[in-house]
PDB file of N, CA and C in Angstrom:
ATOM      1  N   MET A   1      10.086 -61.024  11.565  1.00  0.00           N
ATOM      2  CA  MET A   1       9.060 -60.930  12.580  1.00  0.00           C
ATOM      3  C   MET A   1       7.722 -61.229  11.916  1.00  0.00           C
ATOM      4  N   ARG A   2       6.999 -62.097  12.528  1.00  0.00           N
ATOM      5  CA  ARG A   2       5.732 -62.536  11.978  1.00  0.00           C
ATOM      6  C   ARG A   2       4.594 -61.950  12.799  1.00  0.00           C
ATOM      7  N   ILE A   3       3.594 -61.375  12.102  1.00  0.00           N
ATOM      8  CA  ILE A   3       2.454 -60.781  12.804  1.00  0.00           C
ATOM      9  C   ILE A   3       1.341 -61.818  12.844  1.00  0.00           C
ATOM     10  N   HIS A   4       0.885 -62.133  14.055  1.00  0.00           N
ATOM     11  CA  HIS A   4      -0.194 -63.102  14.230  1.00  0.00           C
ATOM     12  C   HIS A   4      -1.525 -62.438  13.930  1.00  0.00           C
ATOM     13  N   GLY A   5      -2.539 -63.205  13.750  1.00  0.00           N
ATOM     14  CA  GLY A   5      -3.872 -62.723  13.397  1.00  0.00           C
ATOM     15  C   GLY A   5      -4.422 -61.727  14.393  1.00  0.00           C
ATOM     16  N   ARG A   6      -4.202 -61.988  15.699  1.00  0.00           N
ATOM     17  CA  ARG A   6      -4.701 -61.084  16.728  1.00  0.00           C
ATOM     18  C   ARG A   6      -3.999 -59.727  16.648  1.00  0.00           C
ATOM     19  N   HIS A   7      -2.695 -59.753  16.451  1.00  0.00           N
ATOM     20  CA  HIS A   7      -1.924 -58.514  16.350  1.00  0.00           C
ATOM     21  C   HIS A   7      -2.299 -57.745  15.074  1.00  0.00           C
ATOM     22  N   TRP A   8      -2.520 -58.483  14.000  1.00  0.00           N
ATOM     23  CA  TRP A   8      -2.906 -57.852  12.733  1.00  0.00           C
ATOM     24  C   TRP A   8      -4.247 -57.146  12.891  1.00  0.00           C
ATOM     25  N   LEU A   9      -5.167 -57.737  13.558  1.00  0.00           N
ATOM     26  CA  LEU A   9      -6.474 -57.154  13.807  1.00  0.00           C
ATOM     27  C   LEU A   9      -6.357 -55.924  14.708  1.00  0.00           C
ATOM     28  N   SER A  10      -5.509 -55.997  15.722  1.00  0.00           N
ATOM     29  CA  SER A  10      -5.295 -54.856  16.627  1.00  0.00           C
ATOM     30  C   SER A  10      -4.643 -53.693  15.892  1.00  0.00           C
ATOM     31  N   LEU A  11      -3.652 -54.001  15.051  1.00  0.00           N
ATOM     32  CA  LEU A  11      -2.968 -52.951  14.289  1.00  0.00           C
ATOM     33  C   LEU A  11      -3.932 -52.276  13.321  1.00  0.00           C
ATOM     34  N   THR A  12      -4.774 -53.025  12.669  1.00  0.00           N
ATOM     35  CA  THR A  12      -5.758 -52.463  11.743  1.00  0.00           C
ATOM     36  C   THR A  12      -6.746 -51.573  12.485  1.00  0.00           C
ATOM     37  N   ALA A  13      -7.204 -52.015  13.643  1.00  0.00           N
ATOM     38  CA  ALA A  13      -8.143 -51.216  14.433  1.00  0.00           C
ATOM     39  C   ALA A  13      -7.488 -49.920  14.902  1.00  0.00           C
ATOM     40  N   LEU A  14      -6.222 -50.000  15.299  1.00  0.00           N
ATOM     41  CA  LEU A  14      -5.501 -48.802  15.750  1.00  0.00           C
ATOM     42  C   LEU A  14      -5.333 -47.802  14.606  1.00  0.00           C
ATOM     43  N   LEU A  15      -5.007 -48.276  13.422  1.00  0.00           N
ATOM     44  CA  LEU A  15      -4.849 -47.383  12.271  1.00  0.00           C
ATOM     45  C   LEU A  15      -6.175 -46.738  11.883  1.00  0.00           C
ATOM     46  N   LEU A  16      -7.257 -47.494  11.932  1.00  0.00           N
ATOM     47  CA  LEU A  16      -8.567 -46.917  11.624  1.00  0.00           C
ATOM     48  C   LEU A  16      -8.967 -45.872  12.660  1.00  0.00           C
ATOM     49  N   LEU A  17      -8.653 -46.129  13.913  1.00  0.00           N
ATOM     50  CA  LEU A  17      -8.951 -45.173  14.975  1.00  0.00           C
ATOM     51  C   LEU A  17      -8.146 -43.885  14.787  1.00  0.00           C
ATOM     52  N   ALA A  18      -6.865 -44.015  14.445  1.00  0.00           N
ATOM     53  CA  ALA A  18      -6.020 -42.838  14.226  1.00  0.00           C
ATOM     54  C   ALA A  18      -6.496 -42.049  13.007  1.00  0.00           C
ATOM     55  N   ALA A  19      -6.933 -42.736  11.964  1.00  0.00           N
ATOM     56  CA  ALA A  19      -7.422 -42.046  10.769  1.00  0.00           C
ATOM     57  C   ALA A  19      -8.712 -41.301  11.060  1.00  0.00           C
ATOM     58  N   GLY A  20      -9.525 -41.814  11.963  1.00  0.00           N
ATOM     59  CA  GLY A  20     -10.777 -41.157  12.316  1.00  0.00           C
ATOM     60  C   GLY A  20     -10.576 -39.903  13.142  1.00  0.00           C
ATOM     61  N   CYS A  21      -9.414 -39.749  13.749  1.00  0.00           N
ATOM     62  CA  CYS A  21      -9.143 -38.577  14.590  1.00  0.00           C
ATOM     63  C   CYS A  21      -8.690 -37.365  13.784  1.00  0.00           C
ATOM     64  N   GLN A  22      -8.381 -37.541  12.530  1.00  0.00           N
ATOM     65  CA  GLN A  22      -7.931 -36.413  11.725  1.00  0.00           C
ATOM     66  C   GLN A  22      -9.096 -35.475  11.457  1.00  0.00           C
ATOM     67  N   ALA A  23      -8.782 -34.174  11.423  1.00  0.00           N
ATOM     68  CA  ALA A  23      -9.810 -33.167  11.155  1.00  0.00           C
ATOM     69  C   ALA A  23     -10.208 -33.227   9.685  1.00  0.00           C
ATOM     70  N   PRO A  24     -11.485 -33.087   9.399  1.00  0.00           N
ATOM     71  CA  PRO A  24     -11.913 -33.097   7.997  1.00  0.00           C
ATOM     72  C   PRO A  24     -11.400 -31.831   7.297  1.00  0.00           C
ATOM     73  N   PRO A  25     -11.172 -31.899   5.998  1.00  0.00           N
ATOM     74  CA  PRO A  25     -10.696 -30.709   5.285  1.00  0.00           C
ATOM     75  C   PRO A  25     -11.772 -29.630   5.256  1.00  0.00           C
ATOM     76  N   LYS A  26     -11.327 -28.404   5.270  1.00  0.00           N
ATOM     77  CA  LYS A  26     -12.248 -27.266   5.204  1.00  0.00           C
ATOM     78  C   LYS A  26     -12.696 -27.099   3.752  1.00  0.00           C
ATOM     79  N   ASP A  27     -13.975 -27.271   3.530  1.00  0.00           N
ATOM     80  CA  ASP A  27     -14.522 -27.119   2.185  1.00  0.00           C
ATOM     81  C   ASP A  27     -14.923 -25.670   1.958  1.00  0.00           C
ATOM     82  N   ARG A  28     -14.647 -25.203   0.758  1.00  0.00           N
ATOM     83  CA  ARG A  28     -15.102 -23.868   0.378  1.00  0.00           C
ATOM     84  C   ARG A  28     -16.537 -23.975  -0.080  1.00  0.00           C
ATOM     85  N   PRO A  29     -17.361 -23.036   0.305  1.00  0.00           N
ATOM     86  CA  PRO A  29     -18.739 -23.074  -0.198  1.00  0.00           C
ATOM     87  C   PRO A  29     -18.746 -22.799  -1.702  1.00  0.00           C
ATOM     88  N   LEU A  30     -19.575 -23.528  -2.392  1.00  0.00           N
ATOM     89  CA  LEU A  30     -19.681 -23.333  -3.837  1.00  0.00           C
ATOM     90  C   LEU A  30     -20.571 -22.131  -4.101  1.00  0.00           C
ATOM     91  N   THR A  31     -19.983 -21.091  -4.673  1.00  0.00           N
ATOM     92  CA  THR A  31     -20.719 -19.873  -4.963  1.00  0.00           C
ATOM     93  C   THR A  31     -20.120 -19.215  -6.194  1.00  0.00           C
ATOM     94  N   SER A  32     -20.929 -18.453  -6.879  1.00  0.00           N
ATOM     95  CA  SER A  32     -20.437 -17.741  -8.055  1.00  0.00           C
ATOM     96  C   SER A  32     -19.974 -16.337  -7.707  1.00  0.00           C
ATOM     97  N   GLU A  33     -20.129 -15.948  -6.456  1.00  0.00           N
ATOM     98  CA  GLU A  33     -19.719 -14.605  -6.045  1.00  0.00           C
ATOM     99  C   GLU A  33     -18.200 -14.539  -5.932  1.00  0.00           C
ATOM    100  N   VAL A  34     -17.654 -13.487  -6.490  1.00  0.00           N
ATOM    101  CA  VAL A  34     -16.217 -13.274  -6.441  1.00  0.00           C
ATOM    102  C   VAL A  34     -15.951 -12.163  -5.434  1.00  0.00           C
ATOM    103  N   PRO A  35     -15.024 -12.372  -4.503  1.00  0.00           N
ATOM    104  CA  PRO A  35     -14.758 -11.311  -3.528  1.00  0.00           C
ATOM    105  C   PRO A  35     -14.101 -10.107  -4.196  1.00  0.00           C
ATOM    106  N   GLU A  36     -14.275  -8.953  -3.590  1.00  0.00           N
ATOM    107  CA  GLU A  36     -13.666  -7.721  -4.092  1.00  0.00           C
ATOM    108  C   GLU A  36     -12.145  -7.845  -4.046  1.00  0.00           C
ATOM    109  N   PRO A  37     -11.455  -7.323  -5.055  1.00  0.00           N
ATOM    110  CA  PRO A  37      -9.996  -7.340  -4.980  1.00  0.00           C
ATOM    111  C   PRO A  37      -9.536  -6.375  -3.894  1.00  0.00           C
ATOM    112  N   PRO A  38      -8.358  -6.598  -3.346  1.00  0.00           N
ATOM    113  CA  PRO A  38      -7.883  -5.699  -2.293  1.00  0.00           C
ATOM    114  C   PRO A  38      -7.645  -4.299  -2.849  1.00  0.00           C
ATOM    115  N   ALA A  39      -7.974  -3.312  -2.065  1.00  0.00           N
ATOM    116  CA  ALA A  39      -7.772  -1.922  -2.475  1.00  0.00           C
ATOM    117  C   ALA A  39      -6.405  -1.462  -1.987  1.00  0.00           C
ATOM    118  N   PHE A  40      -5.729  -0.729  -2.823  1.00  0.00           N
ATOM    119  CA  PHE A  40      -4.424  -0.212  -2.456  1.00  0.00           C
ATOM    120  C   PHE A  40      -4.595   1.202  -1.929  1.00  0.00           C
ATOM    121  N   ALA A  41      -4.128   1.416  -0.751  1.00  0.00           N
ATOM    122  CA  ALA A  41      -4.208   2.730  -0.117  1.00  0.00           C
ATOM    123  C   ALA A  41      -2.796   3.281   0.004  1.00  0.00           C
ATOM    124  N   PRO A  42      -2.654   4.597  -0.131  1.00  0.00           N
ATOM    125  CA  PRO A  42      -1.313   5.158   0.024  1.00  0.00           C
ATOM    126  C   PRO A  42      -0.839   4.981   1.464  1.00  0.00           C
ATOM    127  N   PRO A  43       0.433   4.804   1.658  1.00  0.00           N
ATOM    128  CA  PRO A  43       0.942   4.708   3.022  1.00  0.00           C
ATOM    129  C   PRO A  43       0.630   5.991   3.783  1.00  0.00           C
ATOM    130  N   PRO A  44       0.442   5.902   5.083  1.00  0.00           N
ATOM    131  CA  PRO A  44       0.063   7.095   5.838  1.00  0.00           C
ATOM    132  C   PRO A  44       1.134   8.180   5.835  1.00  0.00           C
ATOM    133  N   ASP A  45       2.387   7.801   5.630  1.00  0.00           N
ATOM    134  CA  ASP A  45       3.457   8.794   5.643  1.00  0.00           C
ATOM    135  C   ASP A  45       3.886   9.155   4.232  1.00  0.00           C
ATOM    136  N   SER A  46       2.930   9.539   3.405  1.00  0.00           N
ATOM    137  CA  SER A  46       3.260   9.989   2.061  1.00  0.00           C
ATOM    138  C   SER A  46       2.280  11.079   1.665  1.00  0.00           C
ATOM    139  N   CYS A  47       2.619  11.794   0.616  1.00  0.00           N
ATOM    140  CA  CYS A  47       1.714  12.846   0.159  1.00  0.00           C
ATOM    141  C   CYS A  47       1.193  12.492  -1.229  1.00  0.00           C
ATOM    142  N   LEU A  48       0.107  13.137  -1.609  1.00  0.00           N
ATOM    143  CA  LEU A  48      -0.504  12.925  -2.919  1.00  0.00           C
ATOM    144  C   LEU A  48      -0.496  14.245  -3.681  1.00  0.00           C
ATOM    145  N   ALA A  49       0.354  14.338  -4.673  1.00  0.00           N
ATOM    146  CA  ALA A  49       0.496  15.580  -5.429  1.00  0.00           C
ATOM    147  C   ALA A  49      -0.737  15.895  -6.265  1.00  0.00           C
ATOM    148  N   GLU A  50      -1.597  14.902  -6.520  1.00  0.00           N
ATOM    149  CA  GLU A  50      -2.802  15.148  -7.320  1.00  0.00           C
ATOM    150  C   GLU A  50      -3.720  16.161  -6.641  1.00  0.00           C
ATOM    151  N   GLY A  51      -3.628  16.270  -5.332  1.00  0.00           N
ATOM    152  CA  GLY A  51      -4.487  17.188  -4.590  1.00  0.00           C
ATOM    153  C   GLY A  51      -4.133  18.649  -4.748  1.00  0.00           C
ATOM    154  N   VAL A  52      -3.034  18.961  -5.427  1.00  0.00           N
ATOM    155  CA  VAL A  52      -2.618  20.363  -5.553  1.00  0.00           C
ATOM    156  C   VAL A  52      -2.692  20.866  -6.991  1.00  0.00           C
ATOM    157  N   ARG A  53      -3.414  20.173  -7.851  1.00  0.00           N
ATOM    158  CA  ARG A  53      -3.542  20.612  -9.250  1.00  0.00           C
ATOM    159  C   ARG A  53      -4.210  21.972  -9.367  1.00  0.00           C
ATOM    160  N   PHE A  54      -5.030  22.310  -8.379  1.00  0.00           N
ATOM    161  CA  PHE A  54      -5.738  23.595  -8.422  1.00  0.00           C
ATOM    162  C   PHE A  54      -4.771  24.774  -8.497  1.00  0.00           C
ATOM    163  N   ALA A  55      -3.541  24.596  -8.022  1.00  0.00           N
ATOM    164  CA  ALA A  55      -2.598  25.710  -7.927  1.00  0.00           C
ATOM    165  C   ALA A  55      -1.724  25.887  -9.167  1.00  0.00           C
ATOM    166  N   LEU A  56      -1.809  24.976 -10.114  1.00  0.00           N
ATOM    167  CA  LEU A  56      -0.976  25.114 -11.317  1.00  0.00           C
ATOM    168  C   LEU A  56      -1.322  26.405 -12.047  1.00  0.00           C
ATOM    169  N   GLY A  57      -0.300  27.173 -12.377  1.00  0.00           N
ATOM    170  CA  GLY A  57      -0.485  28.439 -13.080  1.00  0.00           C
ATOM    171  C   GLY A  57      -0.598  29.638 -12.156  1.00  0.00           C
ATOM    172  N   LEU A  58      -0.796  29.426 -10.863  1.00  0.00           N
ATOM    173  CA  LEU A  58      -0.891  30.541  -9.908  1.00  0.00           C
ATOM    174  C   LEU A  58       0.499  30.954  -9.447  1.00  0.00           C
ATOM    175  N   ARG A  59       0.579  32.188  -8.925  1.00  0.00           N
ATOM    176  CA  ARG A  59       1.847  32.648  -8.339  1.00  0.00           C
ATOM    177  C   ARG A  59       1.954  32.087  -6.932  1.00  0.00           C
ATOM    178  N   VAL A  60       3.120  31.590  -6.593  1.00  0.00           N
ATOM    179  CA  VAL A  60       3.315  30.976  -5.289  1.00  0.00           C
ATOM    180  C   VAL A  60       3.388  32.046  -4.196  1.00  0.00           C
ATOM    181  N   THR A  61       2.687  31.810  -3.109  1.00  0.00           N
ATOM    182  CA  THR A  61       2.741  32.649  -1.911  1.00  0.00           C
ATOM    183  C   THR A  61       2.838  31.700  -0.718  1.00  0.00           C
ATOM    184  N   ALA A  62       3.203  32.238   0.428  1.00  0.00           N
ATOM    185  CA  ALA A  62       3.315  31.402   1.629  1.00  0.00           C
ATOM    186  C   ALA A  62       1.975  30.753   2.000  1.00  0.00           C
ATOM    187  N   PRO A  63       0.854  31.516   2.001  1.00  0.00           N
ATOM    188  CA  PRO A  63      -0.426  30.864   2.322  1.00  0.00           C
ATOM    189  C   PRO A  63      -0.818  29.793   1.295  1.00  0.00           C
ATOM    190  N   LEU A  64      -0.542  30.044   0.011  1.00  0.00           N
ATOM    191  CA  LEU A  64      -0.862  29.061  -1.020  1.00  0.00           C
ATOM    192  C   LEU A  64      -0.007  27.807  -0.844  1.00  0.00           C
ATOM    193  N   LEU A  65       1.256  27.978  -0.536  1.00  0.00           N
ATOM    194  CA  LEU A  65       2.141  26.837  -0.319  1.00  0.00           C
ATOM    195  C   LEU A  65       1.663  25.997   0.873  1.00  0.00           C
ATOM    196  N   GLU A  66       1.205  26.664   1.928  1.00  0.00           N
ATOM    197  CA  GLU A  66       0.687  25.951   3.101  1.00  0.00           C
ATOM    198  C   GLU A  66      -0.602  25.195   2.756  1.00  0.00           C
ATOM    199  N   GLU A  67      -1.474  25.820   1.962  1.00  0.00           N
ATOM    200  CA  GLU A  67      -2.698  25.138   1.550  1.00  0.00           C
ATOM    201  C   GLU A  67      -2.370  23.923   0.687  1.00  0.00           C
ATOM    202  N   MET A  68      -1.392  24.056  -0.185  1.00  0.00           N
ATOM    203  CA  MET A  68      -0.967  22.936  -1.020  1.00  0.00           C
ATOM    204  C   MET A  68      -0.414  21.803  -0.152  1.00  0.00           C
ATOM    205  N   ARG A  69       0.355  22.148   0.858  1.00  0.00           N
ATOM    206  CA  ARG A  69       0.918  21.143   1.761  1.00  0.00           C
ATOM    207  C   ARG A  69      -0.198  20.379   2.473  1.00  0.00           C
ATOM    208  N   GLN A  70      -1.190  21.131   2.965  1.00  0.00           N
ATOM    209  CA  GLN A  70      -2.289  20.490   3.688  1.00  0.00           C
ATOM    210  C   GLN A  70      -3.125  19.599   2.769  1.00  0.00           C
ATOM    211  N   ARG A  71      -3.424  20.078   1.572  1.00  0.00           N
ATOM    212  CA  ARG A  71      -4.253  19.295   0.646  1.00  0.00           C
ATOM    213  C   ARG A  71      -3.550  18.029   0.163  1.00  0.00           C
ATOM    214  N   SER A  72      -2.236  18.082   0.087  1.00  0.00           N
ATOM    215  CA  SER A  72      -1.488  16.907  -0.372  1.00  0.00           C
ATOM    216  C   SER A  72      -1.225  15.916   0.751  1.00  0.00           C
ATOM    217  N   GLY A  73      -1.350  16.365   1.997  1.00  0.00           N
ATOM    218  CA  GLY A  73      -1.063  15.486   3.123  1.00  0.00           C
ATOM    219  C   GLY A  73       0.417  15.385   3.439  1.00  0.00           C
ATOM    220  N   ALA A  74       1.220  16.283   2.881  1.00  0.00           N
ATOM    221  CA  ALA A  74       2.662  16.258   3.113  1.00  0.00           C
ATOM    222  C   ALA A  74       3.001  16.815   4.490  1.00  0.00           C
ATOM    223  N   LYS A  75       4.136  16.372   5.016  1.00  0.00           N
ATOM    224  CA  LYS A  75       4.590  16.904   6.304  1.00  0.00           C
ATOM    225  C   LYS A  75       5.167  18.304   6.133  1.00  0.00           C
ATOM    226  N   PHE A  76       5.840  18.534   5.011  1.00  0.00           N
ATOM    227  CA  PHE A  76       6.326  19.883   4.718  1.00  0.00           C
ATOM    228  C   PHE A  76       6.423  20.066   3.213  1.00  0.00           C
ATOM    229  N   ALA A  77       6.525  21.336   2.796  1.00  0.00           N
ATOM    230  CA  ALA A  77       6.572  21.668   1.368  1.00  0.00           C
ATOM    231  C   ALA A  77       7.703  22.645   1.118  1.00  0.00           C
ATOM    232  N   ARG A  78       8.201  22.640  -0.105  1.00  0.00           N
ATOM    233  CA  ARG A  78       9.247  23.589  -0.493  1.00  0.00           C
ATOM    234  C   ARG A  78       9.075  23.938  -1.959  1.00  0.00           C
ATOM    235  N   THR A  79       9.629  25.088  -2.328  1.00  0.00           N
ATOM    236  CA  THR A  79       9.582  25.505  -3.727  1.00  0.00           C
ATOM    237  C   THR A  79      10.955  25.295  -4.348  1.00  0.00           C
ATOM    238  N   LEU A  80      10.945  24.914  -5.602  1.00  0.00           N
ATOM    239  CA  LEU A  80      12.171  24.716  -6.368  1.00  0.00           C
ATOM    240  C   LEU A  80      12.001  25.393  -7.717  1.00  0.00           C
ATOM    241  N   LEU A  81      13.036  26.050  -8.175  1.00  0.00           N
ATOM    242  CA  LEU A  81      13.003  26.609  -9.527  1.00  0.00           C
ATOM    243  C   LEU A  81      13.067  25.465 -10.531  1.00  0.00           C
ATOM    244  N   VAL A  82      12.422  25.653 -11.667  1.00  0.00           N
ATOM    245  CA  VAL A  82      12.436  24.603 -12.688  1.00  0.00           C
ATOM    246  C   VAL A  82      13.849  24.346 -13.194  1.00  0.00           C
ATOM    247  N   THR A  83      14.729  25.304 -13.029  1.00  0.00           N
ATOM    248  CA  THR A  83      16.108  25.145 -13.491  1.00  0.00           C
ATOM    249  C   THR A  83      16.984  24.427 -12.468  1.00  0.00           C
ATOM    250  N   ASP A  84      16.487  24.255 -11.235  1.00  0.00           N
ATOM    251  CA  ASP A  84      17.272  23.568 -10.202  1.00  0.00           C
ATOM    252  C   ASP A  84      17.366  22.076 -10.518  1.00  0.00           C
ATOM    253  N   PRO A  85      18.524  21.471 -10.230  1.00  0.00           N
ATOM    254  CA  PRO A  85      18.615  20.009 -10.417  1.00  0.00           C
ATOM    255  C   PRO A  85      17.754  19.295  -9.370  1.00  0.00           C
ATOM    256  N   SER A  86      17.330  18.095  -9.694  1.00  0.00           N
ATOM    257  CA  SER A  86      16.504  17.353  -8.737  1.00  0.00           C
ATOM    258  C   SER A  86      17.362  16.871  -7.569  1.00  0.00           C
ATOM    259  N   ASP A  87      16.731  16.786  -6.422  1.00  0.00           N
ATOM    260  CA  ASP A  87      17.404  16.386  -5.192  1.00  0.00           C
ATOM    261  C   ASP A  87      17.559  14.862  -5.174  1.00  0.00           C
ATOM    262  N   PRO A  88      18.764  14.349  -4.931  1.00  0.00           N
ATOM    263  CA  PRO A  88      18.932  12.891  -4.912  1.00  0.00           C
ATOM    264  C   PRO A  88      18.299  12.223  -3.683  1.00  0.00           C
ATOM    265  N   VAL A  89      18.015  13.000  -2.638  1.00  0.00           N
ATOM    266  CA  VAL A  89      17.414  12.443  -1.427  1.00  0.00           C
ATOM    267  C   VAL A  89      15.896  12.396  -1.610  1.00  0.00           C
ATOM    268  N   LEU A  90      15.336  11.195  -1.611  1.00  0.00           N
ATOM    269  CA  LEU A  90      13.894  11.038  -1.788  1.00  0.00           C
ATOM    270  C   LEU A  90      13.208  11.023  -0.430  1.00  0.00           C
ATOM    271  N   ASP A  91      12.125  11.777  -0.317  1.00  0.00           N
ATOM    272  CA  ASP A  91      11.328  11.822   0.905  1.00  0.00           C
ATOM    273  C   ASP A  91       9.862  11.842   0.492  1.00  0.00           C
ATOM    274  N   PRO A  92       9.133  10.738   0.654  1.00  0.00           N
ATOM    275  CA  PRO A  92       7.738  10.693   0.201  1.00  0.00           C
ATOM    276  C   PRO A  92       6.798  11.581   1.006  1.00  0.00           C
ATOM    277  N   THR A  93       7.274  12.192   2.077  1.00  0.00           N
ATOM    278  CA  THR A  93       6.423  13.073   2.881  1.00  0.00           C
ATOM    279  C   THR A  93       6.628  14.536   2.526  1.00  0.00           C
ATOM    280  N   ARG A  94       7.459  14.812   1.528  1.00  0.00           N
ATOM    281  CA  ARG A  94       7.784  16.193   1.160  1.00  0.00           C
ATOM    282  C   ARG A  94       7.118  16.557  -0.164  1.00  0.00           C
ATOM    283  N   LEU A  95       6.481  17.716  -0.195  1.00  0.00           N
ATOM    284  CA  LEU A  95       5.886  18.239  -1.423  1.00  0.00           C
ATOM    285  C   LEU A  95       6.870  19.209  -2.054  1.00  0.00           C
ATOM    286  N   ASN A  96       7.288  18.918  -3.278  1.00  0.00           N
ATOM    287  CA  ASN A  96       8.170  19.800  -4.034  1.00  0.00           C
ATOM    288  C   ASN A  96       7.323  20.552  -5.053  1.00  0.00           C
ATOM    289  N   VAL A  97       7.332  21.862  -4.968  1.00  0.00           N
ATOM    290  CA  VAL A  97       6.556  22.701  -5.879  1.00  0.00           C
ATOM    291  C   VAL A  97       7.536  23.365  -6.841  1.00  0.00           C
ATOM    292  N   ARG A  98       7.401  23.057  -8.122  1.00  0.00           N
ATOM    293  CA  ARG A  98       8.275  23.627  -9.152  1.00  0.00           C
ATOM    294  C   ARG A  98       7.691  24.950  -9.626  1.00  0.00           C
ATOM    295  N   VAL A  99       8.527  25.994  -9.601  1.00  0.00           N
ATOM    296  CA  VAL A  99       8.083  27.329 -10.016  1.00  0.00           C
ATOM    297  C   VAL A  99       9.044  27.890 -11.054  1.00  0.00           C
ATOM    298  N   GLU A 100       8.499  28.762 -11.899  1.00  0.00           N
ATOM    299  CA  GLU A 100       9.324  29.499 -12.856  1.00  0.00           C
ATOM    300  C   GLU A 100      10.001  30.645 -12.118  1.00  0.00           C
ATOM    301  N   PRO A 101      11.006  31.273 -12.717  1.00  0.00           N
ATOM    302  CA  PRO A 101      11.636  32.430 -12.062  1.00  0.00           C
ATOM    303  C   PRO A 101      10.644  33.550 -11.747  1.00  0.00           C
ATOM    304  N   SER A 102       9.536  33.623 -12.489  1.00  0.00           N
ATOM    305  CA  SER A 102       8.524  34.646 -12.219  1.00  0.00           C
ATOM    306  C   SER A 102       7.660  34.291 -11.004  1.00  0.00           C
ATOM    307  N   GLY A 103       7.739  33.055 -10.503  1.00  0.00           N
ATOM    308  CA  GLY A 103       6.948  32.642  -9.348  1.00  0.00           C
ATOM    309  C   GLY A 103       5.710  31.843  -9.705  1.00  0.00           C
ATOM    310  N   ARG A 104       5.479  31.588 -10.991  1.00  0.00           N
ATOM    311  CA  ARG A 104       4.306  30.832 -11.417  1.00  0.00           C
ATOM    312  C   ARG A 104       4.554  29.341 -11.197  1.00  0.00           C
ATOM    313  N   ILE A 105       3.576  28.669 -10.608  1.00  0.00           N
ATOM    314  CA  ILE A 105       3.697  27.239 -10.311  1.00  0.00           C
ATOM    315  C   ILE A 105       3.473  26.447 -11.594  1.00  0.00           C
ATOM    316  N   VAL A 106       4.429  25.570 -11.911  1.00  0.00           N
ATOM    317  CA  VAL A 106       4.325  24.769 -13.129  1.00  0.00           C
ATOM    318  C   VAL A 106       4.268  23.268 -12.846  1.00  0.00           C
ATOM    319  N   GLY A 107       4.465  22.860 -11.608  1.00  0.00           N
ATOM    320  CA  GLY A 107       4.408  21.431 -11.298  1.00  0.00           C
ATOM    321  C   GLY A 107       4.569  21.172  -9.816  1.00  0.00           C
ATOM    322  N   ALA A 108       4.223  19.958  -9.425  1.00  0.00           N
ATOM    323  CA  ALA A 108       4.372  19.538  -8.032  1.00  0.00           C
ATOM    324  C   ALA A 108       4.576  18.031  -8.000  1.00  0.00           C
ATOM    325  N   SER A 109       5.389  17.598  -7.055  1.00  0.00           N
ATOM    326  CA  SER A 109       5.626  16.164  -6.889  1.00  0.00           C
ATOM    327  C   SER A 109       5.929  15.872  -5.428  1.00  0.00           C
ATOM    328  N   CYS A 110       5.728  14.637  -5.068  1.00  0.00           N
ATOM    329  CA  CYS A 110       6.021  14.198  -3.702  1.00  0.00           C
ATOM    330  C   CYS A 110       7.257  13.317  -3.744  1.00  0.00           C
ATOM    331  N   GLN A 111       8.363  13.837  -3.248  1.00  0.00           N
ATOM    332  CA  GLN A 111       9.598  13.055  -3.169  1.00  0.00           C
ATOM    333  C   GLN A 111      10.635  13.733  -2.326  1.00  0.00           C
TER     334      GLN A 111
END
């Protein structure tokens, strides 16, 4: 198939017209400012055991356990003896308070 001069001119004009319809690329502004890195926030359904450090060394009581639960953001809290084996069921909304047989708090974790 042979393209005549008129057709060649029409094809060239059509290609130039189609190329002109493309959107220009989005240019980034040139700046030396670096955006802040994303901040990592704890999921809403988890607790933070760091909030209960105030209770380490105290004797556990029901009001103290409730205050620890509230400060950690946990849905519920429980006490475990340090000699108890760890629970295989992980729950990030549960505050586990480790106590000695005398009732003194020696640790806390969310799991």
